[in-house]
Amino acid sequence: MLHFNVEGAKQIANLPAITGGTNDILDQITDALSVPRDVLPTKGEIDHAWGNLPRLLNMIPPELRDERMIRMCVAVSVGLFDSAINYIWNTTIVELRQKVIRFGLPIVAQLTSTSIDEAKLTEMMDHELLKLCLELNLISVDGYFKLDQCRAIRNSFSAAHPAVGALDEDEVVNFISRCARSALSDVNVPAGVNFNSLIEAIKAGHFNDDQSMYWSEAIKGTHSAQRELIATALHGMYCDEALGQSARTNCSTLFLPAIELDGVPATIIDQHQAYVGKGEVEKAGASRDFFTRFDLLELLSEPERHTIVSTACDRLNAAHQGMNNFYNEPPFAARLHEIVGASVVPDSVRWKFVQVVVSCAIGNQYGVSWAADRHYAEMIRDFSPKAMEMMFSTPNSKTLAGNKIATYLVCKKRFAELVGLLEGANIPTALKASYDWWMQELNSANQ
């Protein structure tokens, strides 16, 4: 049994006995209104609930035994059970809001990537508040489900709304007990990840191996609702331009443990779309990088993936045509390779992708970027049949790559070498003649 015990705090041994006169008054009131007496609980039912109140009230910290508790007791004493549960529920909601405030609204805002103040907290629906408290580990999983049941009972059976039925004495005692145990008492606070410590650790500097293991195991060991919030917070912190690279690296380290058991939360997709919709360019760009890093591009819409691939192609092409291109291309080639390896290239940008890769892979009259060559080769080996068709049409196209193939013999030879990277067995029938022709060109050039 849970007991709140503070040195010097007054424990409630007994409440004043309910006299028979109280029942007589209820009889007289119902008789005066010509209403059956059984619309209210019997004296025995009231006595049962009243007799349990001292034990229930002792679970509640003395500072929370306020005017609402007095009203609850009065309501129980006259059988107004529907009012009694409303008073204890209001106390519960007020205390849960205070728990969130004591946790730290700035920390909550950082975790949820949503601005929140006391006014917004007050406007929050009860079910939203319960979910937030569960995610912050202010209530246990067991407590969350019990309080959510209380919320449903309060909505259907209390004086706050037209009731669909009546509560008996055992149900009202159980309702008060659940609120006292799960929300009002601080005894046996559930174990979980301490968000304040986690955020401080992420910001403090690059994790060592022991820190990485400690926080990874802590995240995997907590409940799913908190893991969901942690995963969302890690994405939000990664996209925060105010944080340094070490903090981003730490977020990356912890993200996989956060999604290992439950998958990727939908809130991360929502968070990304919010960055895009609000025009937060830096955050949206960092978010796209995040999705690429963890092979999550398939979770984004096709227009989003088009933008990601197209931008990577533009940057690689700019490096290829710029000064010192042989030295500047590799990181841009690696980036494009990483992106297309994480997702199918959208149809809308496939032609651009093929042309950029082929153009960079054949280089120019002076040579190619050898450090980037392996990325081009691997991307070409992974070309889809549609991409192969586009590749074989390149020599006859009015594109940069087509012009180089037609103008420079060395570029033509390199294109033949690129064709040689393709597996003959995987060449579509419609492209077989073109493939054989280029393979003859390659054999002739090598003789």
Protein backbone atom coordinates (compact mmCIF):
# COMPACT_ATOMS: atom_id res chain seq x y z
CA MET A 1 0.00 0.00 0.00
CA LEU A 2 1.24 3.49 -0.86
CA HIS A 3 1.41 6.06 1.93
CA PHE A 4 2.56 9.65 1.71
CA ASN A 5 4.48 10.29 4.86
CA VAL A 6 6.11 13.56 5.80
CA GLU A 7 7.57 14.16 9.23
CA GLY A 8 5.11 16.29 11.15
CA ALA A 9 2.36 15.91 8.56
CA LYS A 10 -1.02 15.23 10.08
CA GLN A 11 -2.33 11.77 9.30
CA ILE A 12 -6.08 11.35 9.03
CA ALA A 13 -7.24 8.62 11.37
CA ASN A 14 -11.00 9.10 11.06
CA LEU A 15 -13.49 11.49 9.59
CA PRO A 16 -16.55 12.64 11.55
CA ALA A 17 -19.22 9.99 11.71
CA ILE A 18 -22.18 10.49 9.39
CA THR A 19 -25.24 10.59 11.60
CA GLY A 20 -28.58 9.15 10.81
CA GLY A 21 -29.79 12.71 10.48
CA THR A 22 -27.95 13.06 7.17
CA ASN A 23 -29.93 10.21 5.71
CA ASP A 24 -33.14 11.72 7.13
CA ILE A 25 -32.37 14.97 5.30
CA LEU A 26 -31.86 13.11 2.03
CA ASP A 27 -35.18 11.33 2.60
CA GLN A 28 -36.93 14.64 3.21
CA ILE A 29 -35.40 16.35 0.13
CA THR A 30 -36.26 13.54 -2.27
CA ASP A 31 -39.76 13.31 -0.75
CA ALA A 32 -40.29 17.07 -1.13
CA LEU A 33 -39.38 16.88 -4.82
CA SER A 34 -41.41 13.71 -5.28
CA VAL A 35 -38.33 11.87 -6.47
CA PRO A 36 -37.62 8.27 -5.48
CA ARG A 37 -35.02 7.98 -2.73
CA ASP A 38 -33.06 5.42 -4.74
CA VAL A 39 -31.79 8.13 -7.12
CA LEU A 40 -29.15 8.65 -4.42
CA PRO A 41 -26.97 5.97 -2.80
CA THR A 42 -28.25 4.28 0.32
CA LYS A 43 -26.83 5.12 3.74
CA GLY A 44 -24.92 1.85 3.71
CA GLU A 45 -23.30 2.69 0.36
CA ILE A 46 -22.40 6.18 1.55
CA ASP A 47 -20.97 4.78 4.80
CA HIS A 48 -18.80 2.34 2.82
CA ALA A 49 -17.28 5.10 0.69
CA TRP A 50 -16.95 7.43 3.68
CA GLY A 51 -15.17 4.79 5.72
CA ASN A 52 -12.51 4.40 3.02
CA LEU A 53 -11.78 8.11 2.70
CA PRO A 54 -9.19 8.42 5.53
CA ARG A 55 -7.03 5.71 3.94
CA LEU A 56 -7.33 7.35 0.52
CA LEU A 57 -6.68 10.87 1.79
CA ASN A 58 -3.50 9.72 3.56
CA MET A 59 -2.07 8.75 0.17
CA ILE A 60 -2.33 12.37 -0.91
CA PRO A 61 0.37 14.87 0.16
CA PRO A 62 -0.97 17.34 2.77
CA GLU A 63 -0.32 20.32 0.48
CA LEU A 64 -2.76 18.87 -2.05
CA ARG A 65 -5.56 18.43 0.47
CA ASP A 66 -7.14 21.71 -0.55
CA GLU A 67 -10.64 23.06 -1.00
CA ARG A 68 -11.34 20.52 -3.73
CA MET A 69 -10.66 17.72 -1.26
CA ILE A 70 -13.10 19.31 1.19
CA ARG A 71 -15.76 19.46 -1.52
CA MET A 72 -15.02 15.87 -2.47
CA CYS A 73 -15.53 14.75 1.12
CA VAL A 74 -18.78 16.69 1.42
CA ALA A 75 -20.02 15.20 -1.86
CA VAL A 76 -19.23 11.67 -0.67
CA SER A 77 -20.97 12.31 2.66
CA VAL A 78 -24.29 13.00 0.94
CA GLY A 79 -23.92 10.41 -1.81
CA LEU A 80 -23.03 12.77 -4.66
CA PHE A 81 -20.48 10.35 -6.07
CA ASP A 82 -20.63 11.95 -9.51
CA SER A 83 -19.50 15.26 -8.01
CA ALA A 84 -16.89 13.60 -5.80
CA ILE A 85 -15.00 12.08 -8.74
CA ASN A 86 -15.11 15.43 -10.53
CA TYR A 87 -13.37 17.18 -7.62
CA ILE A 88 -10.61 14.54 -7.33
CA TRP A 89 -10.13 14.54 -11.12
CA ASN A 90 -9.72 18.33 -11.18
CA THR A 91 -7.09 18.02 -8.47
CA THR A 92 -5.37 15.33 -10.52
CA ILE A 93 -5.24 17.45 -13.68
CA VAL A 94 -3.96 20.51 -11.81
CA GLU A 95 -1.21 18.46 -10.18
CA LEU A 96 -0.18 16.84 -13.47
CA ARG A 97 0.18 20.31 -14.99
CA GLN A 98 2.34 21.31 -12.05
CA LYS A 99 4.49 18.21 -12.53
CA VAL A 100 5.12 19.28 -16.14
CA ILE A 101 5.95 22.82 -15.02
CA ARG A 102 8.34 21.54 -12.36
CA PHE A 103 9.95 19.31 -14.98
CA GLY A 104 10.73 22.46 -16.95
CA LEU A 105 8.69 23.92 -19.80
CA PRO A 106 11.83 24.89 -21.79
CA ILE A 107 12.97 21.26 -21.64
CA VAL A 108 9.52 20.05 -22.69
CA ALA A 109 9.56 22.49 -25.61
CA GLN A 110 12.97 21.24 -26.70
CA LEU A 111 11.90 17.61 -26.47
CA THR A 112 8.69 18.09 -28.41
CA SER A 113 9.97 20.82 -30.78
CA THR A 114 6.79 22.72 -29.86
CA SER A 115 6.65 25.98 -27.97
CA ILE A 116 4.73 25.52 -24.74
CA ASP A 117 3.92 27.82 -21.85
CA GLU A 118 1.57 27.66 -18.89
CA ALA A 119 -1.33 29.04 -20.92
CA LYS A 120 -0.95 26.35 -23.60
CA LEU A 121 -0.54 23.73 -20.89
CA THR A 122 -3.85 24.84 -19.35
CA GLU A 123 -5.58 24.60 -22.73
CA MET A 124 -4.28 21.08 -23.31
CA MET A 125 -6.94 18.38 -23.40
CA ASP A 126 -6.86 15.87 -20.57
CA HIS A 127 -5.88 12.96 -22.83
CA GLU A 128 -3.03 15.04 -24.31
CA LEU A 129 -1.77 15.92 -20.83
CA LEU A 130 -1.80 12.27 -19.78
CA LYS A 131 0.17 11.29 -22.89
CA LEU A 132 2.71 14.04 -22.27
CA CYS A 133 3.17 12.99 -18.64
CA LEU A 134 3.72 9.39 -19.76
CA GLU A 135 6.31 10.48 -22.34
CA LEU A 136 8.12 12.59 -19.74
CA ASN A 137 8.01 9.63 -17.35
CA LEU A 138 6.06 11.64 -14.77
CA ILE A 139 3.56 8.79 -14.54
CA SER A 140 4.09 5.08 -15.11
CA VAL A 141 2.66 3.06 -17.98
CA ASP A 142 0.33 1.34 -15.52
CA GLY A 143 -0.64 4.70 -14.06
CA TYR A 144 -1.30 6.13 -17.51
CA PHE A 145 -3.81 3.40 -18.40
CA LYS A 146 -5.55 3.65 -15.04
CA LEU A 147 -5.80 7.43 -15.25
CA ASP A 148 -7.03 7.21 -18.83
CA GLN A 149 -9.80 4.91 -17.61
CA CYS A 150 -10.60 7.48 -14.92
CA ARG A 151 -10.75 10.16 -17.63
CA ALA A 152 -13.30 8.11 -19.56
CA ILE A 153 -15.35 7.48 -16.40
CA ARG A 154 -15.25 11.15 -15.47
CA ASN A 155 -16.47 12.13 -18.95
CA SER A 156 -19.38 9.70 -18.85
CA PHE A 157 -20.40 9.41 -15.20
CA SER A 158 -19.46 12.64 -13.41
CA ALA A 159 -21.40 15.84 -12.77
CA ALA A 160 -19.17 17.59 -15.34
CA HIS A 161 -21.38 16.27 -18.15
CA PRO A 162 -24.81 14.68 -18.45
CA ALA A 163 -24.15 11.23 -17.01
CA VAL A 164 -24.94 8.01 -18.86
CA GLY A 165 -25.27 6.11 -15.59
CA ALA A 166 -24.48 6.08 -11.87
CA LEU A 167 -21.41 5.00 -9.92
CA ASP A 168 -21.62 2.71 -6.92
CA GLU A 169 -19.59 3.05 -3.72
CA ASP A 170 -16.84 0.67 -4.85
CA GLU A 171 -16.35 2.50 -8.13
CA VAL A 172 -15.96 5.90 -6.50
CA VAL A 173 -13.46 4.48 -3.98
CA ASN A 174 -11.50 2.88 -6.82
CA PHE A 175 -11.57 6.15 -8.80
CA ILE A 176 -10.16 8.17 -5.89
CA SER A 177 -7.55 5.48 -5.20
CA ARG A 178 -6.30 5.48 -8.78
CA CYS A 179 -5.95 9.26 -8.86
CA ALA A 180 -4.16 9.28 -5.51
CA ARG A 181 -1.76 6.46 -6.36
CA SER A 182 -1.02 7.27 -9.98
CA ALA A 183 -0.92 11.07 -10.04
CA LEU A 184 -1.05 12.76 -6.65
CA SER A 185 1.51 10.74 -4.73
CA ASP A 186 5.22 10.99 -5.55
CA VAL A 187 5.93 7.58 -4.06
CA ASN A 188 7.53 5.06 -6.44
CA VAL A 189 8.14 7.48 -9.30
CA PRO A 190 8.59 5.26 -12.40
CA ALA A 191 12.07 4.46 -13.64
CA GLY A 192 13.05 5.81 -17.02
CA VAL A 193 15.38 8.18 -18.81
CA ASN A 194 16.10 11.46 -17.05
CA PHE A 195 15.55 13.97 -19.85
CA ASN A 196 17.39 16.79 -18.16
CA SER A 197 20.50 14.66 -17.73
CA LEU A 198 20.20 13.28 -21.27
CA ILE A 199 20.05 16.71 -22.89
CA GLU A 200 22.88 18.01 -20.73
CA ALA A 201 25.02 15.02 -21.73
CA ILE A 202 24.27 15.48 -25.44
CA LYS A 203 25.25 19.14 -25.31
CA ALA A 204 28.31 18.65 -23.09
CA GLY A 205 30.59 17.15 -25.74
CA HIS A 206 31.28 14.10 -27.85
CA PHE A 207 30.24 10.85 -26.12
CA ASN A 208 32.91 8.39 -25.12
CA ASP A 209 32.19 4.67 -25.48
CA ASP A 210 30.90 4.32 -21.92
CA GLN A 211 28.47 7.21 -22.34
CA SER A 212 27.18 5.85 -25.63
CA MET A 213 26.55 2.45 -24.06
CA TYR A 214 24.96 3.90 -20.92
CA TRP A 215 22.46 6.12 -22.73
CA SER A 216 21.72 3.54 -25.42
CA GLU A 217 20.84 0.92 -22.81
CA ALA A 218 18.80 3.45 -20.81
CA ILE A 219 16.76 4.35 -23.88
CA LYS A 220 16.17 0.72 -24.83
CA GLY A 221 15.16 -0.01 -21.24
CA THR A 222 12.44 2.59 -20.91
CA HIS A 223 8.85 2.33 -22.18
CA SER A 224 7.74 2.87 -25.78
CA ALA A 225 6.05 6.24 -25.24
CA GLN A 226 9.24 7.73 -23.82
CA ARG A 227 11.35 6.17 -26.58
CA GLU A 228 9.04 7.81 -29.12
CA LEU A 229 9.54 11.21 -27.51
CA ILE A 230 13.31 10.66 -27.26
CA ALA A 231 13.54 9.71 -30.95
CA THR A 232 11.56 12.82 -31.91
CA ALA A 233 13.71 14.99 -29.65
CA LEU A 234 16.93 13.58 -31.12
CA HIS A 235 15.72 14.46 -34.61
CA GLY A 236 14.74 17.95 -33.44
CA MET A 237 18.09 18.55 -31.73
CA TYR A 238 19.97 17.26 -34.77
CA CYS A 239 18.15 19.87 -36.87
CA ASP A 240 18.81 22.70 -34.41
CA GLU A 241 21.40 24.95 -36.05
CA ALA A 242 22.31 26.37 -32.63
CA LEU A 243 23.86 23.06 -31.55
CA GLY A 244 27.40 22.06 -32.45
CA GLN A 245 28.60 19.09 -34.43
CA SER A 246 29.39 17.01 -31.33
CA ALA A 247 25.76 17.30 -30.18
CA ARG A 248 24.56 16.21 -33.62
CA THR A 249 26.91 13.25 -33.55
CA ASN A 250 25.58 12.26 -30.13
CA CYS A 251 22.01 12.47 -31.44
CA SER A 252 22.98 10.21 -34.32
CA THR A 253 24.55 7.72 -31.91
CA LEU A 254 21.37 7.43 -29.84
CA PHE A 255 18.80 7.48 -32.62
CA LEU A 256 19.12 3.83 -33.66
CA PRO A 257 18.63 2.53 -30.07
CA ALA A 258 15.60 4.84 -29.80
CA ILE A 259 13.86 3.31 -32.84
CA GLU A 260 15.21 -0.24 -32.59
CA LEU A 261 12.20 -1.70 -30.76
CA ASP A 262 9.29 0.43 -31.95
CA GLY A 263 10.26 1.76 -35.37
CA VAL A 264 10.33 5.36 -36.57
CA PRO A 265 7.68 7.55 -34.89
CA ALA A 266 5.26 9.35 -37.21
CA THR A 267 5.97 12.51 -35.20
CA ILE A 268 9.37 12.74 -36.88
CA ILE A 269 7.71 12.90 -40.32
CA ASP A 270 5.32 15.53 -38.98
CA GLN A 271 8.24 17.48 -37.53
CA HIS A 272 10.05 17.45 -40.88
CA GLN A 273 6.96 18.61 -42.75
CA ALA A 274 6.55 21.43 -40.22
CA TYR A 275 10.08 22.65 -40.97
CA VAL A 276 9.31 22.62 -44.69
CA GLY A 277 5.92 24.27 -44.29
CA LYS A 278 7.27 27.06 -42.09
CA GLY A 279 10.11 27.77 -44.48
CA GLU A 280 12.78 26.89 -41.94
CA VAL A 281 15.39 26.22 -44.61
CA GLU A 282 18.29 25.30 -42.31
CA LYS A 283 16.24 22.89 -40.24
CA ALA A 284 14.61 21.34 -43.31
CA GLY A 285 18.03 20.80 -44.88
CA ALA A 286 19.41 19.23 -41.71
CA SER A 287 16.31 17.05 -41.50
CA ARG A 288 16.83 15.79 -45.07
CA ASP A 289 20.41 14.96 -44.13
CA PHE A 290 19.09 13.10 -41.08
CA PHE A 291 16.69 11.01 -43.17
CA THR A 292 19.48 10.20 -45.61
CA ARG A 293 21.90 9.22 -42.86
CA PHE A 294 19.49 6.64 -41.46
CA ASP A 295 18.14 5.33 -44.81
CA LEU A 296 14.71 6.81 -44.12
CA LEU A 297 14.14 8.68 -47.38
CA GLU A 298 11.34 6.30 -48.35
CA LEU A 299 9.31 7.83 -45.50
CA LEU A 300 9.31 11.19 -47.26
CA SER A 301 6.99 12.19 -50.08
CA GLU A 302 8.15 11.87 -53.70
CA PRO A 303 8.42 15.68 -54.12
CA GLU A 304 10.68 15.75 -51.07
CA ARG A 305 12.86 12.96 -52.44
CA HIS A 306 12.95 14.71 -55.83
CA THR A 307 14.30 17.84 -54.13
CA ILE A 308 16.94 15.89 -52.23
CA VAL A 309 18.25 14.03 -55.29
CA SER A 310 18.04 17.08 -57.55
CA THR A 311 19.97 19.26 -55.10
CA ALA A 312 22.68 16.62 -54.69
CA CYS A 313 22.97 16.36 -58.51
CA ASP A 314 23.27 20.14 -58.86
CA ARG A 315 26.03 20.30 -56.26
CA LEU A 316 27.99 17.45 -57.83
CA ASN A 317 27.63 18.95 -61.30
CA ALA A 318 28.80 22.34 -60.03
CA ALA A 319 31.86 20.75 -58.46
CA HIS A 320 32.54 18.77 -61.67
CA GLN A 321 32.49 21.89 -63.81
CA GLY A 322 34.29 24.12 -61.34
CA MET A 323 37.94 24.76 -60.59
CA ASN A 324 39.97 21.83 -59.22
CA ASN A 325 37.07 19.53 -60.02
CA PHE A 326 39.19 16.37 -59.71
CA TYR A 327 39.85 17.24 -56.05
CA ASN A 328 36.43 18.72 -55.23
CA GLU A 329 34.14 16.07 -56.71
CA PRO A 330 34.63 13.13 -54.28
CA PRO A 331 32.57 14.37 -51.29
CA PHE A 332 29.71 15.43 -53.59
CA ALA A 333 29.84 12.11 -55.42
CA ALA A 334 29.80 10.28 -52.08
CA ARG A 335 26.83 12.33 -50.94
CA LEU A 336 24.78 11.54 -54.06
CA HIS A 337 25.75 7.87 -53.76
CA GLU A 338 24.58 7.86 -50.15
CA ILE A 339 21.25 9.44 -51.08
CA VAL A 340 20.36 7.13 -53.98
CA GLY A 341 21.47 4.17 -51.91
CA ALA A 342 18.86 5.09 -49.30
CA SER A 343 15.88 5.42 -51.65
CA VAL A 344 14.59 4.77 -55.15
CA VAL A 345 15.29 7.73 -57.42
CA PRO A 346 11.95 9.40 -58.28
CA ASP A 347 10.95 9.24 -61.97
CA SER A 348 10.78 13.03 -62.09
CA VAL A 349 14.53 13.40 -61.47
CA ARG A 350 15.91 10.16 -62.91
CA TRP A 351 17.04 11.70 -66.25
CA LYS A 352 18.94 14.43 -64.41
CA PHE A 353 20.52 11.86 -62.09
CA VAL A 354 21.68 9.63 -64.98
CA GLN A 355 23.09 12.53 -66.97
CA VAL A 356 25.06 13.95 -64.03
CA VAL A 357 26.52 10.57 -63.05
CA VAL A 358 27.48 9.68 -66.63
CA SER A 359 28.91 13.14 -67.32
CA CYS A 360 31.05 13.08 -64.19
CA ALA A 361 32.08 9.45 -64.74
CA ILE A 362 33.42 10.08 -68.27
CA GLY A 363 35.21 13.19 -67.02
CA ASN A 364 36.62 15.57 -69.61
CA GLN A 365 39.47 15.69 -72.09
CA TYR A 366 41.94 16.02 -69.22
CA GLY A 367 40.84 13.01 -67.18
CA VAL A 368 38.50 11.98 -64.36
CA SER A 369 38.34 12.33 -60.60
CA TRP A 370 39.82 9.00 -59.54
CA ALA A 371 38.77 9.41 -55.91
CA ALA A 372 35.14 9.82 -57.01
CA ASP A 373 35.27 7.07 -59.65
CA ARG A 374 34.22 4.23 -57.34
CA HIS A 375 31.02 6.08 -56.39
CA TYR A 376 30.12 6.59 -60.06
CA ALA A 377 30.85 2.93 -60.83
CA GLU A 378 28.67 1.64 -58.01
CA MET A 379 25.78 3.94 -58.91
CA ILE A 380 25.95 2.84 -62.56
CA ARG A 381 26.05 -0.85 -61.61
CA ASP A 382 22.82 -0.24 -59.68
CA PHE A 383 21.05 1.50 -62.57
CA SER A 384 17.47 0.37 -63.09
CA PRO A 385 16.32 -0.73 -66.57
CA LYS A 386 14.81 2.72 -67.07
CA ALA A 387 18.09 4.37 -66.04
CA MET A 388 19.99 2.07 -68.42
CA GLU A 389 17.72 3.16 -71.25
CA MET A 390 18.51 6.80 -70.44
CA MET A 391 22.22 6.02 -70.26
CA PHE A 392 22.26 4.37 -73.70
CA SER A 393 20.42 7.35 -75.19
CA THR A 394 23.05 9.77 -73.86
CA PRO A 395 25.56 9.61 -76.77
CA ASN A 396 22.88 10.82 -79.19
CA SER A 397 21.44 13.45 -76.86
CA LYS A 398 22.09 17.18 -76.81
CA THR A 399 23.45 17.08 -73.28
CA LEU A 400 26.81 17.88 -71.74
CA ALA A 401 27.65 14.18 -71.53
CA GLY A 402 26.48 13.56 -75.10
CA ASN A 403 28.59 16.46 -76.37
CA LYS A 404 31.70 15.18 -74.57
CA ILE A 405 31.23 11.66 -75.99
CA ALA A 406 30.85 13.07 -79.50
CA THR A 407 33.77 15.51 -79.17
CA TYR A 408 36.48 13.69 -77.20
CA LEU A 409 37.64 10.20 -78.10
CA VAL A 410 38.85 9.64 -74.54
CA CYS A 411 35.32 10.40 -73.20
CA LYS A 412 33.81 8.00 -75.75
CA LYS A 413 36.21 5.29 -74.56
CA ARG A 414 35.27 5.96 -70.94
CA PHE A 415 31.58 5.71 -71.79
CA ALA A 416 32.24 2.28 -73.31
CA GLU A 417 34.00 1.33 -70.07
CA LEU A 418 30.91 2.43 -68.13
CA VAL A 419 28.76 0.20 -70.34
CA GLY A 420 31.15 -2.61 -69.47
CA LEU A 421 30.21 -2.18 -65.80
CA LEU A 422 26.68 -3.41 -66.54
CA GLU A 423 25.90 -7.09 -66.26
CA GLY A 424 25.04 -8.42 -69.74
CA ALA A 425 22.41 -10.75 -68.31
CA ASN A 426 20.55 -7.77 -66.82
CA ILE A 427 20.37 -5.74 -70.01
CA PRO A 428 16.75 -5.36 -71.25
CA THR A 429 16.09 -6.95 -74.65
CA ALA A 430 15.36 -3.57 -76.24
CA LEU A 431 18.86 -2.36 -75.25
CA LYS A 432 20.76 -5.52 -76.16
CA ALA A 433 21.88 -4.27 -79.61
CA SER A 434 23.21 -1.00 -78.15
CA TYR A 435 24.95 -2.88 -75.38
CA ASP A 436 26.67 -5.25 -77.85
CA TRP A 437 27.78 -2.33 -80.03
CA TRP A 438 29.42 -0.52 -77.13
CA MET A 439 31.06 -3.71 -75.90
CA GLN A 440 32.64 -4.09 -79.38
CA GLU A 441 33.86 -0.51 -79.12
CA LEU A 442 35.37 -1.30 -75.75
CA ASN A 443 37.11 -4.44 -77.05
CA SER A 444 38.47 -2.52 -80.04
CA ALA A 445 39.81 0.27 -77.83
CA ASN A 446 41.56 -2.24 -75.58
CA GLN A 447 43.29 -4.10 -78.40
